C-alpha cells in the first residue's frame, strides 16, 4: 500500500504545471516547496528528484524521506493545497533529521503566508 492514496498525490503533468504557474514558493537549503490552493477534499503532494541529485538508489531514498516528513507534518496545512517538494542536489549530504526539520520549517512558512 502506498504511503498516500491516489487522491492525496499529484499524478498528472497538468497538476504539477498548475502548481508551478502559481509561483508561490519558498526555497530552503536542500528543498524548494511550491504550493497552490486546490478545490479537492484533501491536500495533495508531488515530489520531484532529478537525476542531478544522485543515482536511483539515492533518489528513491530521498523520495521516501520527503514523503514521510510530509506525512508527519501535513496537519500544519489547514487549507487544502497542492504541494510540490523539489529536492536540490545538496540534499544528499543532509541527514534524515535535517530533511524532516526543513520540511517542517517550509510548511510553517507557507502556512503563515497563506
PDB file of N, CA and C in Angstrom:
ATOM      1  N   UNK A   1       0.847  -1.188   0.000  1.00  0.00           N
ATOM      2  CA  UNK A   1       0.000   0.000   0.000  1.00  0.00           C
ATOM      3  C   UNK A   1       0.882   1.238   0.000  1.00  0.00           C
ATOM      4  N   UNK A   2       0.608   2.199  -0.891  1.00  0.00           N
ATOM      5  CA  UNK A   2       1.440   3.408  -0.920  1.00  0.00           C
ATOM      6  C   UNK A   2       1.218   4.264   0.324  1.00  0.00           C
ATOM      7  N   UNK A   3       2.195   5.105   0.580  1.00  0.00           N
ATOM      8  CA  UNK A   3       2.100   5.994   1.726  1.00  0.00           C
ATOM      9  C   UNK A   3       0.881   6.891   1.610  1.00  0.00           C
ATOM     10  N   UNK A   4       0.591   7.324   0.397  1.00  0.00           N
ATOM     11  CA  UNK A   4      -0.542   8.196   0.152  1.00  0.00           C
ATOM     12  C   UNK A   4      -1.453   7.559  -0.883  1.00  0.00           C
ATOM     13  N   UNK A   5      -2.761   7.562  -0.622  1.00  0.00           N
ATOM     14  CA  UNK A   5      -3.672   7.080  -1.658  1.00  0.00           C
ATOM     15  C   UNK A   5      -3.639   8.008  -2.864  1.00  0.00           C
ATOM     16  N   UNK A   6      -4.164   7.561  -3.975  1.00  0.00           N
ATOM     17  CA  UNK A   6      -4.102   8.331  -5.216  1.00  0.00           C
ATOM     18  C   UNK A   6      -4.701   9.717  -5.085  1.00  0.00           C
ATOM     19  N   UNK A   7      -5.741   9.860  -4.262  1.00  0.00           N
ATOM     20  CA  UNK A   7      -6.371  11.173  -4.133  1.00  0.00           C
ATOM     21  C   UNK A   7      -5.516  12.158  -3.348  1.00  0.00           C
ATOM     22  N   UNK A   8      -4.437  11.708  -2.724  1.00  0.00           N
ATOM     23  CA  UNK A   8      -3.537  12.603  -1.981  1.00  0.00           C
ATOM     24  C   UNK A   8      -2.220  12.839  -2.717  1.00  0.00           C
ATOM     25  N   UNK A   9      -2.143  12.398  -3.985  1.00  0.00           N
ATOM     26  CA  UNK A   9      -0.915  12.571  -4.756  1.00  0.00           C
ATOM     27  C   UNK A   9      -1.188  13.375  -6.017  1.00  0.00           C
ATOM     28  N   UNK A  10      -0.215  14.193  -6.401  1.00  0.00           N
ATOM     29  CA  UNK A  10      -0.252  14.850  -7.707  1.00  0.00           C
ATOM     30  C   UNK A  10       0.301  13.841  -8.695  1.00  0.00           C
ATOM     31  N   UNK A  11      -0.468  13.546  -9.753  1.00  0.00           N
ATOM     32  CA  UNK A  11      -0.037  12.498 -10.666  1.00  0.00           C
ATOM     33  C   UNK A  11       0.092  12.971 -12.103  1.00  0.00           C
ATOM     34  N   UNK A  12      -0.630  13.972 -12.471  1.00  0.00           N
ATOM     35  CA  UNK A  12      -0.631  14.415 -13.866  1.00  0.00           C
ATOM     36  C   UNK A  12       0.303  15.606 -14.065  1.00  0.00           C
ATOM     37  N   UNK A  13       0.853  15.683 -15.258  1.00  0.00           N
ATOM     38  CA  UNK A  13       1.727  16.805 -15.609  1.00  0.00           C
ATOM     39  C   UNK A  13       0.990  18.124 -15.444  1.00  0.00           C
ATOM     40  N   UNK A  14      -0.280  18.153 -15.807  1.00  0.00           N
ATOM     41  CA  UNK A  14      -1.079  19.372 -15.672  1.00  0.00           C
ATOM     42  C   UNK A  14      -1.219  19.825 -14.235  1.00  0.00           C
ATOM     43  N   UNK A  15      -1.295  18.875 -13.306  1.00  0.00           N
ATOM     44  CA  UNK A  15      -1.379  19.219 -11.879  1.00  0.00           C
ATOM     45  C   UNK A  15      -0.090  19.893 -11.416  1.00  0.00           C
ATOM     46  N   UNK A  16       1.043  19.328 -11.813  1.00  0.00           N
ATOM     47  CA  UNK A  16       2.332  19.916 -11.456  1.00  0.00           C
ATOM     48  C   UNK A  16       2.474  21.295 -12.092  1.00  0.00           C
ATOM     49  N   UNK A  17       2.101  21.402 -13.369  1.00  0.00           N
ATOM     50  CA  UNK A  17       2.225  22.679 -14.083  1.00  0.00           C
ATOM     51  C   UNK A  17       1.385  23.765 -13.432  1.00  0.00           C
ATOM     52  N   UNK A  18       0.199  23.406 -12.973  1.00  0.00           N
ATOM     53  CA  UNK A  18      -0.673  24.388 -12.316  1.00  0.00           C
ATOM     54  C   UNK A  18      -0.025  24.924 -11.037  1.00  0.00           C
ATOM     55  N   UNK A  19       0.631  24.054 -10.301  1.00  0.00           N
ATOM     56  CA  UNK A  19       1.309  24.489  -9.067  1.00  0.00           C
ATOM     57  C   UNK A  19       2.475  25.416  -9.417  1.00  0.00           C
ATOM     58  N   UNK A  20       3.251  25.067 -10.436  1.00  0.00           N
ATOM     59  CA  UNK A  20       4.395  25.898 -10.823  1.00  0.00           C
ATOM     60  C   UNK A  20       3.952  27.239 -11.391  1.00  0.00           C
ATOM     61  N   UNK A  21       2.831  27.278 -12.100  1.00  0.00           N
ATOM     62  CA  UNK A  21       2.313  28.544 -12.650  1.00  0.00           C
ATOM     63  C   UNK A  21       1.906  29.519 -11.554  1.00  0.00           C
ATOM     64  N   UNK A  22       1.468  28.994 -10.433  1.00  0.00           N
ATOM     65  CA  UNK A  22       1.020  29.850  -9.317  1.00  0.00           C
ATOM     66  C   UNK A  22       2.165  30.704  -8.769  1.00  0.00           C
ATOM     67  N   UNK A  23       3.383  30.213  -8.857  1.00  0.00           N
ATOM     68  CA  UNK A  23       4.604  30.928  -8.465  1.00  0.00           C
ATOM     69  C   UNK A  23       4.661  31.281  -6.988  1.00  0.00           C
ATOM     70  N   UNK A  24       3.987  30.527  -6.154  1.00  0.00           N
ATOM     71  CA  UNK A  24       4.119  30.706  -4.705  1.00  0.00           C
ATOM     72  C   UNK A  24       5.061  29.617  -4.224  1.00  0.00           C
ATOM     73  N   UNK A  25       6.246  30.030  -3.811  1.00  0.00           N
ATOM     74  CA  UNK A  25       7.217  29.032  -3.373  1.00  0.00           C
ATOM     75  C   UNK A  25       8.164  29.610  -2.335  1.00  0.00           C
ATOM     76  N   UNK A  26       8.808  28.679  -1.665  1.00  0.00           N
ATOM     77  CA  UNK A  26       9.832  29.021  -0.678  1.00  0.00           C
ATOM     78  C   UNK A  26      11.021  28.109  -0.948  1.00  0.00           C
ATOM     79  N   UNK A  27      12.201  28.696  -0.954  1.00  0.00           N
ATOM     80  CA  UNK A  27      13.421  27.924  -1.142  1.00  0.00           C
ATOM     81  C   UNK A  27      14.094  27.695   0.201  1.00  0.00           C
ATOM     82  N   UNK A  28      14.402  26.448   0.471  1.00  0.00           N
ATOM     83  CA  UNK A  28      15.187  26.102   1.635  1.00  0.00           C
ATOM     84  C   UNK A  28      16.597  25.744   1.193  1.00  0.00           C
ATOM     85  N   UNK A  29      17.382  25.285   2.129  1.00  0.00           N
ATOM     86  CA  UNK A  29      18.761  24.926   1.818  1.00  0.00           C
ATOM     87  C   UNK A  29      18.821  23.707   0.891  1.00  0.00           C
ATOM     88  N   UNK A  30      17.970  22.724   1.146  1.00  0.00           N
ATOM     89  CA  UNK A  30      18.004  21.475   0.386  1.00  0.00           C
ATOM     90  C   UNK A  30      16.730  21.189  -0.402  1.00  0.00           C
ATOM     91  N   UNK A  31      15.682  21.986  -0.158  1.00  0.00           N
ATOM     92  CA  UNK A  31      14.374  21.703  -0.749  1.00  0.00           C
ATOM     93  C   UNK A  31      13.720  23.009  -1.189  1.00  0.00           C
ATOM     94  N   UNK A  32      13.057  22.972  -2.337  1.00  0.00           N
ATOM     95  CA  UNK A  32      12.175  24.060  -2.748  1.00  0.00           C
ATOM     96  C   UNK A  32      10.748  23.549  -2.620  1.00  0.00           C
ATOM     97  N   UNK A  33       9.864  24.385  -2.096  1.00  0.00           N
ATOM     98  CA  UNK A  33       8.479  23.996  -1.903  1.00  0.00           C
ATOM     99  C   UNK A  33       7.588  24.945  -2.693  1.00  0.00           C
ATOM    100  N   UNK A  34       6.786  24.389  -3.578  1.00  0.00           N
ATOM    101  CA  UNK A  34       5.800  25.150  -4.339  1.00  0.00           C
ATOM    102  C   UNK A  34       4.431  24.781  -3.812  1.00  0.00           C
ATOM    103  N   UNK A  35       3.514  25.748  -3.783  1.00  0.00           N
ATOM    104  CA  UNK A  35       2.210  25.478  -3.212  1.00  0.00           C
ATOM    105  C   UNK A  35       1.114  26.211  -3.985  1.00  0.00           C
ATOM    106  N   UNK A  36      -0.070  25.623  -3.981  1.00  0.00           N
ATOM    107  CA  UNK A  36      -1.237  26.207  -4.644  1.00  0.00           C
ATOM    108  C   UNK A  36      -2.480  25.688  -3.930  1.00  0.00           C
ATOM    109  N   UNK A  37      -3.443  26.559  -3.682  1.00  0.00           N
ATOM    110  CA  UNK A  37      -4.705  26.109  -3.090  1.00  0.00           C
ATOM    111  C   UNK A  37      -5.439  25.263  -4.121  1.00  0.00           C
ATOM    112  N   UNK A  38      -6.117  24.212  -3.632  1.00  0.00           N
ATOM    113  CA  UNK A  38      -6.891  23.378  -4.551  1.00  0.00           C
ATOM    114  C   UNK A  38      -8.341  23.301  -4.092  1.00  0.00           C
ATOM    115  N   UNK A  39      -9.161  22.722  -4.944  1.00  0.00           N
ATOM    116  CA  UNK A  39     -10.585  22.580  -4.633  1.00  0.00           C
ATOM    117  C   UNK A  39     -10.919  21.130  -4.297  1.00  0.00           C
ATOM    118  N   UNK A  40      -9.916  20.357  -4.010  1.00  0.00           N
ATOM    119  CA  UNK A  40     -10.100  18.947  -3.676  1.00  0.00           C
ATOM    120  C   UNK A  40     -10.508  18.825  -2.211  1.00  0.00           C
ATOM    121  N   UNK A  41     -10.835  17.614  -1.813  1.00  0.00           N
ATOM    122  CA  UNK A  41     -11.233  17.386  -0.421  1.00  0.00           C
ATOM    123  C   UNK A  41     -10.025  17.244   0.505  1.00  0.00           C
ATOM    124  N   UNK A  42      -8.822  17.063  -0.068  1.00  0.00           N
ATOM    125  CA  UNK A  42      -7.618  16.899   0.739  1.00  0.00           C
ATOM    126  C   UNK A  42      -6.429  17.582   0.068  1.00  0.00           C
ATOM    127  N   UNK A  43      -5.391  17.809   0.852  1.00  0.00           N
ATOM    128  CA  UNK A  43      -4.140  18.318   0.293  1.00  0.00           C
ATOM    129  C   UNK A  43      -3.469  17.200  -0.495  1.00  0.00           C
ATOM    130  N   UNK A  44      -2.744  17.587  -1.546  1.00  0.00           N
ATOM    131  CA  UNK A  44      -2.051  16.603  -2.378  1.00  0.00           C
ATOM    132  C   UNK A  44      -0.572  16.962  -2.452  1.00  0.00           C
ATOM    133  N   UNK A  45       0.268  15.938  -2.627  1.00  0.00           N
ATOM    134  CA  UNK A  45       1.712  16.148  -2.667  1.00  0.00           C
ATOM    135  C   UNK A  45       2.290  15.578  -3.957  1.00  0.00           C
ATOM    136  N   UNK A  46       3.300  16.274  -4.459  1.00  0.00           N
ATOM    137  CA  UNK A  46       4.102  15.793  -5.567  1.00  0.00           C
ATOM    138  C   UNK A  46       5.567  15.981  -5.199  1.00  0.00           C
ATOM    139  N   UNK A  47       6.397  15.034  -5.558  1.00  0.00           N
ATOM    140  CA  UNK A  47       7.819  15.099  -5.216  1.00  0.00           C
ATOM    141  C   UNK A  47       8.635  14.992  -6.499  1.00  0.00           C
ATOM    142  N   UNK A  48       9.610  15.901  -6.638  1.00  0.00           N
ATOM    143  CA  UNK A  48      10.484  15.913  -7.804  1.00  0.00           C
ATOM    144  C   UNK A  48      11.923  15.764  -7.322  1.00  0.00           C
ATOM    145  N   UNK A  49      12.584  14.716  -7.811  1.00  0.00           N
ATOM    146  CA  UNK A  49      14.000  14.487  -7.509  1.00  0.00           C
ATOM    147  C   UNK A  49      14.679  14.197  -8.839  1.00  0.00           C
ATOM    148  N   UNK A  50      15.438  15.150  -9.340  1.00  0.00           N
ATOM    149  CA  UNK A  50      16.042  14.997 -10.665  1.00  0.00           C
ATOM    150  C   UNK A  50      17.277  14.089 -10.621  1.00  0.00           C
ATOM    151  N   UNK A  51      17.745  13.719 -11.785  1.00  0.00           N
ATOM    152  CA  UNK A  51      18.918  12.854 -11.878  1.00  0.00           C
ATOM    153  C   UNK A  51      20.190  13.549 -11.407  1.00  0.00           C
ATOM    154  N   UNK A  52      20.166  14.874 -11.301  1.00  0.00           N
ATOM    155  CA  UNK A  52      21.338  15.597 -10.790  1.00  0.00           C
ATOM    156  C   UNK A  52      21.571  15.305  -9.311  1.00  0.00           C
ATOM    157  N   UNK A  53      20.552  14.806  -8.635  1.00  0.00           N
ATOM    158  CA  UNK A  53      20.654  14.567  -7.196  1.00  0.00           C
ATOM    159  C   UNK A  53      21.499  13.340  -6.884  1.00  0.00           C
ATOM    160  N   UNK A  54      21.454  12.327  -7.699  1.00  0.00           N
ATOM    161  CA  UNK A  54      22.249  11.131  -7.429  1.00  0.00           C
ATOM    162  C   UNK A  54      21.747   9.959  -8.244  1.00  0.00           C
ATOM    163  N   UNK A  55      22.212   8.781  -7.888  1.00  0.00           N
ATOM    164  CA  UNK A  55      21.764   7.595  -8.621  1.00  0.00           C
ATOM    165  C   UNK A  55      20.365   7.187  -8.152  1.00  0.00           C
ATOM    166  N   UNK A  56      19.813   6.145  -8.761  1.00  0.00           N
ATOM    167  CA  UNK A  56      18.428   5.749  -8.493  1.00  0.00           C
ATOM    168  C   UNK A  56      18.199   5.398  -7.022  1.00  0.00           C
ATOM    169  N   UNK A  57      19.147   4.727  -6.423  1.00  0.00           N
ATOM    170  CA  UNK A  57      19.007   4.338  -5.016  1.00  0.00           C
ATOM    171  C   UNK A  57      18.912   5.588  -4.133  1.00  0.00           C
ATOM    172  N   UNK A  58      19.773   6.558  -4.368  1.00  0.00           N
ATOM    173  CA  UNK A  58      19.762   7.783  -3.579  1.00  0.00           C
ATOM    174  C   UNK A  58      18.479   8.581  -3.811  1.00  0.00           C
ATOM    175  N   UNK A  59      18.044   8.675  -5.058  1.00  0.00           N
ATOM    176  CA  UNK A  59      16.818   9.423  -5.368  1.00  0.00           C
ATOM    177  C   UNK A  59      15.606   8.794  -4.692  1.00  0.00           C
ATOM    178  N   UNK A  60      15.527   7.473  -4.720  1.00  0.00           N
ATOM    179  CA  UNK A  60      14.395   6.796  -4.085  1.00  0.00           C
ATOM    180  C   UNK A  60      14.417   6.961  -2.573  1.00  0.00           C
ATOM    181  N   UNK A  61      15.599   6.921  -1.979  1.00  0.00           N
ATOM    182  CA  UNK A  61      15.710   7.137  -0.530  1.00  0.00           C
ATOM    183  C   UNK A  61      15.234   8.534  -0.172  1.00  0.00           C
ATOM    184  N   UNK A  62      15.638   9.518  -0.959  1.00  0.00           N
ATOM    185  CA  UNK A  62      15.238  10.901  -0.700  1.00  0.00           C
ATOM    186  C   UNK A  62      13.731  11.056  -0.858  1.00  0.00           C
ATOM    187  N   UNK A  63      13.154  10.424  -1.881  1.00  0.00           N
ATOM    188  CA  UNK A  63      11.702  10.492  -2.058  1.00  0.00           C
ATOM    189  C   UNK A  63      10.976   9.889  -0.859  1.00  0.00           C
ATOM    190  N   UNK A  64      11.468   8.770  -0.354  1.00  0.00           N
ATOM    191  CA  UNK A  64      10.860   8.155   0.836  1.00  0.00           C
ATOM    192  C   UNK A  64      10.947   9.089   2.038  1.00  0.00           C
ATOM    193  N   UNK A  65      12.111   9.714   2.220  1.00  0.00           N
ATOM    194  CA  UNK A  65      12.277  10.630   3.350  1.00  0.00           C
ATOM    195  C   UNK A  65      11.355  11.840   3.225  1.00  0.00           C
ATOM    196  N   UNK A  66      11.236  12.391   2.029  1.00  0.00           N
ATOM    197  CA  UNK A  66      10.366  13.548   1.823  1.00  0.00           C
ATOM    198  C   UNK A  66       8.900  13.182   2.038  1.00  0.00           C
ATOM    199  N   UNK A  67       8.477  12.025   1.532  1.00  0.00           N
ATOM    200  CA  UNK A  67       7.092  11.579   1.734  1.00  0.00           C
ATOM    201  C   UNK A  67       6.785  11.417   3.212  1.00  0.00           C
ATOM    202  N   UNK A  68       7.692  10.792   3.939  1.00  0.00           N
ATOM    203  CA  UNK A  68       7.465  10.553   5.366  1.00  0.00           C
ATOM    204  C   UNK A  68       7.449  11.867   6.145  1.00  0.00           C
ATOM    205  N   UNK A  69       8.361  12.777   5.830  1.00  0.00           N
ATOM    206  CA  UNK A  69       8.387  14.077   6.511  1.00  0.00           C
ATOM    207  C   UNK A  69       7.105  14.844   6.248  1.00  0.00           C
ATOM    208  N   UNK A  70       6.635  14.819   5.014  1.00  0.00           N
ATOM    209  CA  UNK A  70       5.374  15.498   4.692  1.00  0.00           C
ATOM    210  C   UNK A  70       4.208  14.834   5.428  1.00  0.00           C
ATOM    211  N   UNK A  71       4.182  13.513   5.452  1.00  0.00           N
ATOM    212  CA  UNK A  71       3.090  12.792   6.121  1.00  0.00           C
ATOM    213  C   UNK A  71       2.992  13.178   7.590  1.00  0.00           C
ATOM    214  N   UNK A  72       4.141  13.315   8.232  1.00  0.00           N
ATOM    215  CA  UNK A  72       4.168  13.658   9.653  1.00  0.00           C
ATOM    216  C   UNK A  72       3.684  15.083   9.886  1.00  0.00           C
ATOM    217  N   UNK A  73       4.004  16.006   8.976  1.00  0.00           N
ATOM    218  CA  UNK A  73       3.747  17.427   9.215  1.00  0.00           C
ATOM    219  C   UNK A  73       2.614  18.019   8.388  1.00  0.00           C
ATOM    220  N   UNK A  74       1.880  17.220   7.623  1.00  0.00           N
ATOM    221  CA  UNK A  74       0.860  17.787   6.741  1.00  0.00           C
ATOM    222  C   UNK A  74      -0.298  18.431   7.510  1.00  0.00           C
ATOM    223  N   UNK A  75      -0.446  18.115   8.775  1.00  0.00           N
ATOM    224  CA  UNK A  75      -1.510  18.712   9.590  1.00  0.00           C
ATOM    225  C   UNK A  75      -1.353  20.236   9.696  1.00  0.00           C
ATOM    226  N   UNK A  76      -0.153  20.751   9.437  1.00  0.00           N
ATOM    227  CA  UNK A  76       0.104  22.192   9.531  1.00  0.00           C
ATOM    228  C   UNK A  76      -0.729  22.956   8.501  1.00  0.00           C
ATOM    229  N   UNK A  77      -0.952  22.340   7.360  1.00  0.00           N
ATOM    230  CA  UNK A  77      -1.732  22.989   6.307  1.00  0.00           C
ATOM    231  C   UNK A  77      -3.214  22.876   6.656  1.00  0.00           C
ATOM    232  N   UNK A  78      -3.817  23.989   7.033  1.00  0.00           N
ATOM    233  CA  UNK A  78      -5.219  23.959   7.412  1.00  0.00           C
ATOM    234  C   UNK A  78      -6.128  23.916   6.188  1.00  0.00           C
ATOM    235  N   UNK A  79      -5.694  24.545   5.092  1.00  0.00           N
ATOM    236  CA  UNK A  79      -6.486  24.545   3.873  1.00  0.00           C
ATOM    237  C   UNK A  79      -6.011  23.416   2.962  1.00  0.00           C
ATOM    238  N   UNK A  80      -6.866  23.042   2.028  1.00  0.00           N
ATOM    239  CA  UNK A  80      -6.469  22.018   1.066  1.00  0.00           C
ATOM    240  C   UNK A  80      -5.573  22.648   0.010  1.00  0.00           C
ATOM    241  N   UNK A  81      -4.390  22.090  -0.136  1.00  0.00           N
ATOM    242  CA  UNK A  81      -3.395  22.653  -1.038  1.00  0.00           C
ATOM    243  C   UNK A  81      -2.705  21.559  -1.830  1.00  0.00           C
ATOM    244  N   UNK A  82      -2.184  21.959  -2.988  1.00  0.00           N
ATOM    245  CA  UNK A  82      -1.290  21.110  -3.750  1.00  0.00           C
ATOM    246  C   UNK A  82       0.125  21.550  -3.401  1.00  0.00           C
ATOM    247  N   UNK A  83       0.952  20.622  -2.981  1.00  0.00           N
ATOM    248  CA  UNK A  83       2.316  20.913  -2.551  1.00  0.00           C
ATOM    249  C   UNK A  83       3.281  20.117  -3.426  1.00  0.00           C
ATOM    250  N   UNK A  84       4.297  20.799  -3.950  1.00  0.00           N
ATOM    251  CA  UNK A  84       5.356  20.113  -4.699  1.00  0.00           C
ATOM    252  C   UNK A  84       6.674  20.369  -3.981  1.00  0.00           C
ATOM    253  N   UNK A  85       7.348  19.297  -3.621  1.00  0.00           N
ATOM    254  CA  UNK A  85       8.662  19.378  -2.993  1.00  0.00           C
ATOM    255  C   UNK A  85       9.701  19.022  -4.046  1.00  0.00           C
ATOM    256  N   UNK A  86      10.661  19.914  -4.255  1.00  0.00           N
ATOM    257  CA  UNK A  86      11.735  19.671  -5.218  1.00  0.00           C
ATOM    258  C   UNK A  86      13.052  19.562  -4.454  1.00  0.00           C
ATOM    259  N   UNK A  87      13.694  18.420  -4.586  1.00  0.00           N
ATOM    260  CA  UNK A  87      14.969  18.182  -3.903  1.00  0.00           C
ATOM    261  C   UNK A  87      16.102  18.835  -4.675  1.00  0.00           C
ATOM    262  N   UNK A  88      16.965  19.529  -3.953  1.00  0.00           N
ATOM    263  CA  UNK A  88      18.173  20.110  -4.545  1.00  0.00           C
ATOM    264  C   UNK A  88      19.316  19.100  -4.384  1.00  0.00           C
ATOM    265  N   UNK A  89      20.345  19.184  -5.221  1.00  0.00           N
ATOM    266  CA  UNK A  89      21.458  18.228  -5.123  1.00  0.00           C
ATOM    267  C   UNK A  89      22.114  18.178  -3.743  1.00  0.00           C
ATOM    268  N   UNK A  90      22.068  19.259  -3.003  1.00  0.00           N
ATOM    269  CA  UNK A  90      22.697  19.287  -1.669  1.00  0.00           C
ATOM    270  C   UNK A  90      21.975  18.398  -0.661  1.00  0.00           C
ATOM    271  N   UNK A  91      20.808  17.894  -0.999  1.00  0.00           N
ATOM    272  CA  UNK A  91      20.028  17.086  -0.051  1.00  0.00           C
ATOM    273  C   UNK A  91      20.713  15.753   0.247  1.00  0.00           C
ATOM    274  N   UNK A  92      21.590  15.306  -0.640  1.00  0.00           N
ATOM    275  CA  UNK A  92      22.278  14.020  -0.434  1.00  0.00           C
ATOM    276  C   UNK A  92      23.085  14.041   0.860  1.00  0.00           C
ATOM    277  N   UNK A  93      23.669  15.179   1.179  1.00  0.00           N
ATOM    278  CA  UNK A  93      24.510  15.283   2.378  1.00  0.00           C
ATOM    279  C   UNK A  93      23.689  15.530   3.639  1.00  0.00           C
ATOM    280  N   UNK A  94      22.410  15.860   3.473  1.00  0.00           N
ATOM    281  CA  UNK A  94      21.557  16.138   4.634  1.00  0.00           C
ATOM    282  C   UNK A  94      21.087  14.834   5.257  1.00  0.00           C
ATOM    283  N   UNK A  95      21.036  14.798   6.553  1.00  0.00           N
ATOM    284  CA  UNK A  95      20.539  13.626   7.256  1.00  0.00           C
ATOM    285  C   UNK A  95      19.021  13.635   7.326  1.00  0.00           C
ATOM    286  N   UNK A  96      18.485  12.546   7.791  1.00  0.00           N
ATOM    287  CA  UNK A  96      17.036  12.407   7.906  1.00  0.00           C
ATOM    288  C   UNK A  96      16.449  13.490   8.809  1.00  0.00           C
ATOM    289  N   UNK A  97      17.102  13.771   9.892  1.00  0.00           N
ATOM    290  CA  UNK A  97      16.625  14.792  10.833  1.00  0.00           C
ATOM    291  C   UNK A  97      16.616  16.174  10.177  1.00  0.00           C
ATOM    292  N   UNK A  98      17.650  16.490   9.396  1.00  0.00           N
ATOM    293  CA  UNK A  98      17.705  17.788   8.717  1.00  0.00           C
ATOM    294  C   UNK A  98      16.594  17.921   7.683  1.00  0.00           C
ATOM    295  N   UNK A  99      16.327  16.852   6.951  1.00  0.00           N
ATOM    296  CA  UNK A  99      15.262  16.871   5.955  1.00  0.00           C
ATOM    297  C   UNK A  99      13.916  17.064   6.641  1.00  0.00           C
ATOM    298  N   UNK A 100      13.696  16.335   7.709  1.00  0.00           N
ATOM    299  CA  UNK A 100      12.446  16.440   8.461  1.00  0.00           C
ATOM    300  C   UNK A 100      12.242  17.861   8.991  1.00  0.00           C
ATOM    301  N   UNK A 101      13.287  18.443   9.548  1.00  0.00           N
ATOM    302  CA  UNK A 101      13.217  19.800  10.085  1.00  0.00           C
ATOM    303  C   UNK A 101      12.968  20.813   8.975  1.00  0.00           C
ATOM    304  N   UNK A 102      13.612  20.633   7.846  1.00  0.00           N
ATOM    305  CA  UNK A 102      13.443  21.582   6.745  1.00  0.00           C
ATOM    306  C   UNK A 102      12.023  21.535   6.178  1.00  0.00           C
ATOM    307  N   UNK A 103      11.468  20.344   6.022  1.00  0.00           N
ATOM    308  CA  UNK A 103      10.082  20.239   5.547  1.00  0.00           C
ATOM    309  C   UNK A 103       9.139  20.922   6.545  1.00  0.00           C
ATOM    310  N   UNK A 104       9.350  20.679   7.822  1.00  0.00           N
ATOM    311  CA  UNK A 104       8.534  21.333   8.849  1.00  0.00           C
ATOM    312  C   UNK A 104       8.623  22.845   8.738  1.00  0.00           C
ATOM    313  N   UNK A 105       9.826  23.385   8.630  1.00  0.00           N
ATOM    314  CA  UNK A 105      10.011  24.834   8.534  1.00  0.00           C
ATOM    315  C   UNK A 105       9.362  25.417   7.282  1.00  0.00           C
ATOM    316  N   UNK A 106       9.501  24.737   6.148  1.00  0.00           N
ATOM    317  CA  UNK A 106       8.904  25.223   4.912  1.00  0.00           C
ATOM    318  C   UNK A 106       7.378  25.219   4.992  1.00  0.00           C
ATOM    319  N   UNK A 107       6.803  24.159   5.563  1.00  0.00           N
ATOM    320  CA  UNK A 107       5.345  24.112   5.697  1.00  0.00           C
ATOM    321  C   UNK A 107       4.843  25.189   6.653  1.00  0.00           C
ATOM    322  N   UNK A 108       5.588  25.472   7.709  1.00  0.00           N
ATOM    323  CA  UNK A 108       5.182  26.535   8.640  1.00  0.00           C
ATOM    324  C   UNK A 108       5.245  27.895   7.954  1.00  0.00           C
ATOM    325  N   UNK A 109       6.265  28.121   7.146  1.00  0.00           N
ATOM    326  CA  UNK A 109       6.366  29.397   6.414  1.00  0.00           C
ATOM    327  C   UNK A 109       5.206  29.567   5.441  1.00  0.00           C
ATOM    328  N   UNK A 110       4.868  28.504   4.733  1.00  0.00           N
ATOM    329  CA  UNK A 110       3.741  28.573   3.791  1.00  0.00           C
ATOM    330  C   UNK A 110       2.444  28.826   4.559  1.00  0.00           C
ATOM    331  N   UNK A 111       2.276  28.164   5.689  1.00  0.00           N
ATOM    332  CA  UNK A 111       1.059  28.349   6.489  1.00  0.00           C
ATOM    333  C   UNK A 111       0.911  29.805   6.928  1.00  0.00           C
ATOM    334  N   UNK A 112       2.009  30.429   7.318  1.00  0.00           N
ATOM    335  CA  UNK A 112       1.966  31.822   7.757  1.00  0.00           C
ATOM    336  C   UNK A 112       1.682  32.768   6.596  1.00  0.00           C
ATOM    337  N   UNK A 113       2.183  32.462   5.406  1.00  0.00           N
ATOM    338  CA  UNK A 113       1.979  33.329   4.248  1.00  0.00           C
ATOM    339  C   UNK A 113       0.573  33.237   3.685  1.00  0.00           C
ATOM    340  N   UNK A 114      -0.027  32.071   3.803  1.00  0.00           N
ATOM    341  CA  UNK A 114      -1.359  31.883   3.218  1.00  0.00           C
ATOM    342  C   UNK A 114      -2.350  32.399   4.198  1.00  0.00           C
TER     343      UNK A 114
END
